[in-house]
PDB file of N, CA and C in Angstrom:
ATOM      1  N   UNK A   1     -43.389 102.736 -54.816  1.00  0.00           N
ATOM      2  CA  UNK A   1     -43.028 101.941 -53.734  1.00  0.00           C
ATOM      3  C   UNK A   1     -44.491 100.788 -53.506  1.00  0.00           C
ATOM      4  N   UNK A   2     -43.654 100.027 -52.792  1.00  0.00           N
ATOM      5  CA  UNK A   2     -44.543  98.784 -53.146  1.00  0.00           C
ATOM      6  C   UNK A   2     -46.158  97.803 -52.033  1.00  0.00           C
ATOM      7  N   UNK A   3     -47.075  98.198 -51.735  1.00  0.00           N
ATOM      8  CA  UNK A   3     -48.065  98.515 -51.004  1.00  0.00           C
ATOM      9  C   UNK A   3     -47.711  96.436 -50.178  1.00  0.00           C
ATOM     10  N   UNK A   4     -48.023  97.094 -49.040  1.00  0.00           N
ATOM     11  CA  UNK A   4     -47.018  95.549 -48.228  1.00  0.00           C
ATOM     12  C   UNK A   4     -48.131  94.509 -47.798  1.00  0.00           C
ATOM     13  N   UNK A   5     -49.302  94.816 -47.977  1.00  0.00           N
ATOM     14  CA  UNK A   5     -50.607  94.769 -48.313  1.00  0.00           C
ATOM     15  C   UNK A   5     -51.647  94.059 -49.534  1.00  0.00           C
ATOM     16  N   UNK A   6     -51.460  94.647 -50.528  1.00  0.00           N
ATOM     17  CA  UNK A   6     -51.942  94.321 -52.013  1.00  0.00           C
ATOM     18  C   UNK A   6     -50.678  93.594 -52.544  1.00  0.00           C
ATOM     19  N   UNK A   7     -49.748  94.065 -52.218  1.00  0.00           N
ATOM     20  CA  UNK A   7     -48.667  93.957 -53.148  1.00  0.00           C
ATOM     21  C   UNK A   7     -48.562  94.796 -54.787  1.00  0.00           C
ATOM     22  N   UNK A   8     -49.146  95.720 -54.664  1.00  0.00           N
ATOM     23  CA  UNK A   8     -49.274  96.460 -55.872  1.00  0.00           C
ATOM     24  C   UNK A   8     -48.985  97.952 -55.677  1.00  0.00           C
ATOM     25  N   UNK A   9     -48.723  98.405 -56.761  1.00  0.00           N
ATOM     26  CA  UNK A   9     -47.236  99.819 -56.674  1.00  0.00           C
ATOM     27  C   UNK A   9     -48.719 101.310 -55.897  1.00  0.00           C
ATOM     28  N   UNK A  10     -48.300 101.597 -55.504  1.00  0.00           N
ATOM     29  CA  UNK A  10     -48.618 103.178 -54.335  1.00  0.00           C
ATOM     30  C   UNK A  10     -47.631 104.160 -55.702  1.00  0.00           C
ATOM     31  N   UNK A  11     -48.891 105.062 -56.752  1.00  0.00           N
ATOM     32  CA  UNK A  11     -48.645 105.828 -57.331  1.00  0.00           C
ATOM     33  C   UNK A  11     -48.115 106.658 -56.300  1.00  0.00           C
ATOM     34  N   UNK A  12     -47.131 108.107 -56.314  1.00  0.00           N
ATOM     35  CA  UNK A  12     -46.162 108.606 -56.280  1.00  0.00           C
ATOM     36  C   UNK A  12     -47.760 109.865 -55.562  1.00  0.00           C
ATOM     37  N   UNK A  13     -48.515 110.848 -55.725  1.00  0.00           N
ATOM     38  CA  UNK A  13     -49.196 110.918 -55.761  1.00  0.00           C
ATOM     39  C   UNK A  13     -50.657 110.992 -54.818  1.00  0.00           C
ATOM     40  N   UNK A  14     -50.317 109.437 -54.558  1.00  0.00           N
ATOM     41  CA  UNK A  14     -51.478 108.485 -53.528  1.00  0.00           C
ATOM     42  C   UNK A  14     -51.232 108.630 -53.123  1.00  0.00           C
ATOM     43  N   UNK A  15     -51.855 108.991 -51.314  1.00  0.00           N
ATOM     44  CA  UNK A  15     -51.512 108.637 -50.001  1.00  0.00           C
ATOM     45  C   UNK A  15     -51.477 107.804 -50.006  1.00  0.00           C
ATOM     46  N   UNK A  16     -50.483 107.072 -48.123  1.00  0.00           N
ATOM     47  CA  UNK A  16     -49.703 106.046 -48.620  1.00  0.00           C
ATOM     48  C   UNK A  16     -49.991 106.389 -46.572  1.00  0.00           C
ATOM     49  N   UNK A  17     -49.354 104.955 -45.587  1.00  0.00           N
ATOM     50  CA  UNK A  17     -49.338 105.163 -44.408  1.00  0.00           C
ATOM     51  C   UNK A  17     -47.992 104.223 -43.960  1.00  0.00           C
ATOM     52  N   UNK A  18     -47.252 104.231 -43.330  1.00  0.00           N
ATOM     53  CA  UNK A  18     -46.447 103.501 -42.382  1.00  0.00           C
ATOM     54  C   UNK A  18     -46.961 103.130 -41.671  1.00  0.00           C
ATOM     55  N   UNK A  19     -46.157 101.941 -41.660  1.00  0.00           N
ATOM     56  CA  UNK A  19     -47.013 101.307 -40.433  1.00  0.00           C
ATOM     57  C   UNK A  19     -45.131 100.188 -40.577  1.00  0.00           C
ATOM     58  N   UNK A  20     -44.606  99.962 -39.090  1.00  0.00           N
ATOM     59  CA  UNK A  20     -43.741  99.939 -37.725  1.00  0.00           C
ATOM     60  C   UNK A  20     -43.716  97.964 -38.173  1.00  0.00           C
ATOM     61  N   UNK A  21     -43.282  97.154 -37.773  1.00  0.00           N
ATOM     62  CA  UNK A  21     -43.311  95.716 -37.793  1.00  0.00           C
ATOM     63  C   UNK A  21     -41.794  95.617 -36.880  1.00  0.00           C
ATOM     64  N   UNK A  22     -41.624  95.668 -35.373  1.00  0.00           N
ATOM     65  CA  UNK A  22     -40.868  94.893 -34.740  1.00  0.00           C
ATOM     66  C   UNK A  22     -40.499  93.553 -34.629  1.00  0.00           C
ATOM     67  N   UNK A  23     -39.442  93.519 -34.497  1.00  0.00           N
ATOM     68  CA  UNK A  23     -38.664  92.707 -34.745  1.00  0.00           C
ATOM     69  C   UNK A  23     -38.460  92.080 -33.024  1.00  0.00           C
ATOM     70  N   UNK A  24     -38.607  90.536 -32.849  1.00  0.00           N
ATOM     71  CA  UNK A  24     -38.743  90.185 -31.396  1.00  0.00           C
ATOM     72  C   UNK A  24     -37.270  89.850 -30.909  1.00  0.00           C
ATOM     73  N   UNK A  25     -36.813  89.375 -31.724  1.00  0.00           N
ATOM     74  CA  UNK A  25     -35.436  89.050 -31.713  1.00  0.00           C
ATOM     75  C   UNK A  25     -34.021  90.202 -31.848  1.00  0.00           C
ATOM     76  N   UNK A  26     -34.844  91.597 -32.832  1.00  0.00           N
ATOM     77  CA  UNK A  26     -33.729  92.285 -33.780  1.00  0.00           C
ATOM     78  C   UNK A  26     -34.139  93.429 -34.096  1.00  0.00           C
ATOM     79  N   UNK A  27     -33.930  93.796 -35.070  1.00  0.00           N
ATOM     80  CA  UNK A  27     -34.052  94.948 -35.680  1.00  0.00           C
ATOM     81  C   UNK A  27     -35.743  94.898 -37.077  1.00  0.00           C
ATOM     82  N   UNK A  28     -36.824  95.517 -36.896  1.00  0.00           N
ATOM     83  CA  UNK A  28     -37.943  95.378 -36.858  1.00  0.00           C
ATOM     84  C   UNK A  28     -36.880  96.419 -38.698  1.00  0.00           C
ATOM     85  N   UNK A  29     -39.148  97.021 -39.449  1.00  0.00           N
ATOM     86  CA  UNK A  29     -39.286  97.110 -40.808  1.00  0.00           C
ATOM     87  C   UNK A  29     -40.185  97.705 -40.578  1.00  0.00           C
ATOM     88  N   UNK A  30     -40.316  98.821 -41.235  1.00  0.00           N
ATOM     89  CA  UNK A  30     -41.243  99.938 -41.530  1.00  0.00           C
ATOM     90  C   UNK A  30     -41.634  99.868 -43.221  1.00  0.00           C
ATOM     91  N   UNK A  31     -42.931  99.335 -43.317  1.00  0.00           N
ATOM     92  CA  UNK A  31     -43.445  99.238 -44.680  1.00  0.00           C
ATOM     93  C   UNK A  31     -45.093  99.942 -44.681  1.00  0.00           C
ATOM     94  N   UNK A  32     -45.035 100.201 -46.500  1.00  0.00           N
ATOM     95  CA  UNK A  32     -45.931 101.665 -47.250  1.00  0.00           C
ATOM     96  C   UNK A  32     -47.223 100.637 -47.970  1.00  0.00           C
ATOM     97  N   UNK A  33     -48.240 100.839 -46.396  1.00  0.00           N
ATOM     98  CA  UNK A  33     -49.492 100.783 -47.049  1.00  0.00           C
ATOM     99  C   UNK A  33     -50.321 101.963 -47.962  1.00  0.00           C
ATOM    100  N   UNK A  34     -51.522 100.969 -48.464  1.00  0.00           N
ATOM    101  CA  UNK A  34     -51.553 101.775 -48.717  1.00  0.00           C
ATOM    102  C   UNK A  34     -53.208 102.659 -48.042  1.00  0.00           C
ATOM    103  N   UNK A  35     -53.325 104.029 -47.748  1.00  0.00           N
ATOM    104  CA  UNK A  35     -53.676 104.544 -47.342  1.00  0.00           C
ATOM    105  C   UNK A  35     -55.580 104.517 -46.663  1.00  0.00           C
ATOM    106  N   UNK A  36     -55.917 103.014 -48.240  1.00  0.00           N
ATOM    107  CA  UNK A  36     -57.280 103.118 -48.393  1.00  0.00           C
ATOM    108  C   UNK A  36     -57.120 101.751 -47.892  1.00  0.00           C
ATOM    109  N   UNK A  37     -58.260 101.393 -47.488  1.00  0.00           N
ATOM    110  CA  UNK A  37     -58.000  99.778 -47.073  1.00  0.00           C
ATOM    111  C   UNK A  37     -58.144  98.914 -48.380  1.00  0.00           C
ATOM    112  N   UNK A  38     -57.369  98.900 -49.109  1.00  0.00           N
ATOM    113  CA  UNK A  38     -56.455  97.651 -50.331  1.00  0.00           C
ATOM    114  C   UNK A  38     -57.202  96.271 -49.909  1.00  0.00           C
ATOM    115  N   UNK A  39     -57.127  95.036 -51.061  1.00  0.00           N
ATOM    116  CA  UNK A  39     -57.264  93.679 -50.952  1.00  0.00           C
ATOM    117  C   UNK A  39     -56.521  93.135 -50.808  1.00  0.00           C
ATOM    118  N   UNK A  40     -56.370  92.541 -49.476  1.00  0.00           N
ATOM    119  CA  UNK A  40     -55.054  92.127 -49.265  1.00  0.00           C
ATOM    120  C   UNK A  40     -54.987  90.930 -50.533  1.00  0.00           C
ATOM    121  N   UNK A  41     -52.785  90.279 -50.633  1.00  0.00           N
ATOM    122  CA  UNK A  41     -53.249  89.740 -51.827  1.00  0.00           C
ATOM    123  C   UNK A  41     -52.812  87.973 -51.923  1.00  0.00           C
ATOM    124  N   UNK A  42     -53.352  87.957 -52.323  1.00  0.00           N
ATOM    125  CA  UNK A  42     -53.742  86.118 -51.900  1.00  0.00           C
ATOM    126  C   UNK A  42     -52.314  85.463 -51.571  1.00  0.00           C
ATOM    127  N   UNK A  43     -52.771  84.512 -50.950  1.00  0.00           N
ATOM    128  CA  UNK A  43     -51.147  83.377 -49.889  1.00  0.00           C
ATOM    129  C   UNK A  43     -51.726  82.473 -50.435  1.00  0.00           C
ATOM    130  N   UNK A  44     -50.966  81.861 -50.820  1.00  0.00           N
ATOM    131  CA  UNK A  44     -51.103  79.430 -51.249  1.00  0.00           C
ATOM    132  C   UNK A  44     -50.928  79.353 -49.656  1.00  0.00           C
ATOM    133  N   UNK A  45     -51.818  78.884 -49.019  1.00  0.00           N
ATOM    134  CA  UNK A  45     -51.446  77.877 -47.692  1.00  0.00           C
ATOM    135  C   UNK A  45     -51.225  76.710 -47.602  1.00  0.00           C
ATOM    136  N   UNK A  46     -51.151  75.908 -49.027  1.00  0.00           N
ATOM    137  CA  UNK A  46     -50.689  74.727 -48.429  1.00  0.00           C
ATOM    138  C   UNK A  46     -50.237  74.709 -50.638  1.00  0.00           C
ATOM    139  N   UNK A  47     -50.109  73.128 -51.075  1.00  0.00           N
ATOM    140  CA  UNK A  47     -48.973  73.261 -52.257  1.00  0.00           C
ATOM    141  C   UNK A  47     -50.010  72.396 -52.849  1.00  0.00           C
ATOM    142  N   UNK A  48     -49.877  73.328 -54.696  1.00  0.00           N
ATOM    143  CA  UNK A  48     -51.288  73.241 -55.350  1.00  0.00           C
ATOM    144  C   UNK A  48     -50.267  72.080 -56.020  1.00  0.00           C
ATOM    145  N   UNK A  49     -51.604  70.995 -56.384  1.00  0.00           N
ATOM    146  CA  UNK A  49     -51.141  69.408 -56.839  1.00  0.00           C
ATOM    147  C   UNK A  49     -50.112  70.007 -58.190  1.00  0.00           C
ATOM    148  N   UNK A  50     -49.835  69.453 -59.048  1.00  0.00           N
ATOM    149  CA  UNK A  50     -49.029  69.561 -59.975  1.00  0.00           C
ATOM    150  C   UNK A  50     -50.764  69.346 -61.261  1.00  0.00           C
ATOM    151  N   UNK A  51     -49.959  69.811 -61.861  1.00  0.00           N
ATOM    152  CA  UNK A  51     -50.809  69.724 -63.173  1.00  0.00           C
ATOM    153  C   UNK A  51     -50.970  67.875 -64.082  1.00  0.00           C
ATOM    154  N   UNK A  52     -51.309  67.159 -64.390  1.00  0.00           N
ATOM    155  CA  UNK A  52     -51.388  66.007 -64.628  1.00  0.00           C
ATOM    156  C   UNK A  52     -52.054  66.043 -66.483  1.00  0.00           C
ATOM    157  N   UNK A  53     -52.235  65.317 -67.478  1.00  0.00           N
ATOM    158  CA  UNK A  53     -52.273  65.388 -68.895  1.00  0.00           C
ATOM    159  C   UNK A  53     -52.688  63.493 -68.818  1.00  0.00           C
TER     160      UNK A  53
END
């Protein structure tokens, strides 16, 4: 399984929690996250300018 919070694998013997996310117009989703708080994966909020040489 992959943690929905940090995008890292959850090992078989590692505790995890299921989190329900309900969709406003349809079916929701059940995601797995680490039981212990993990650091969220970085998210790109704006485009990165191209590297110019």
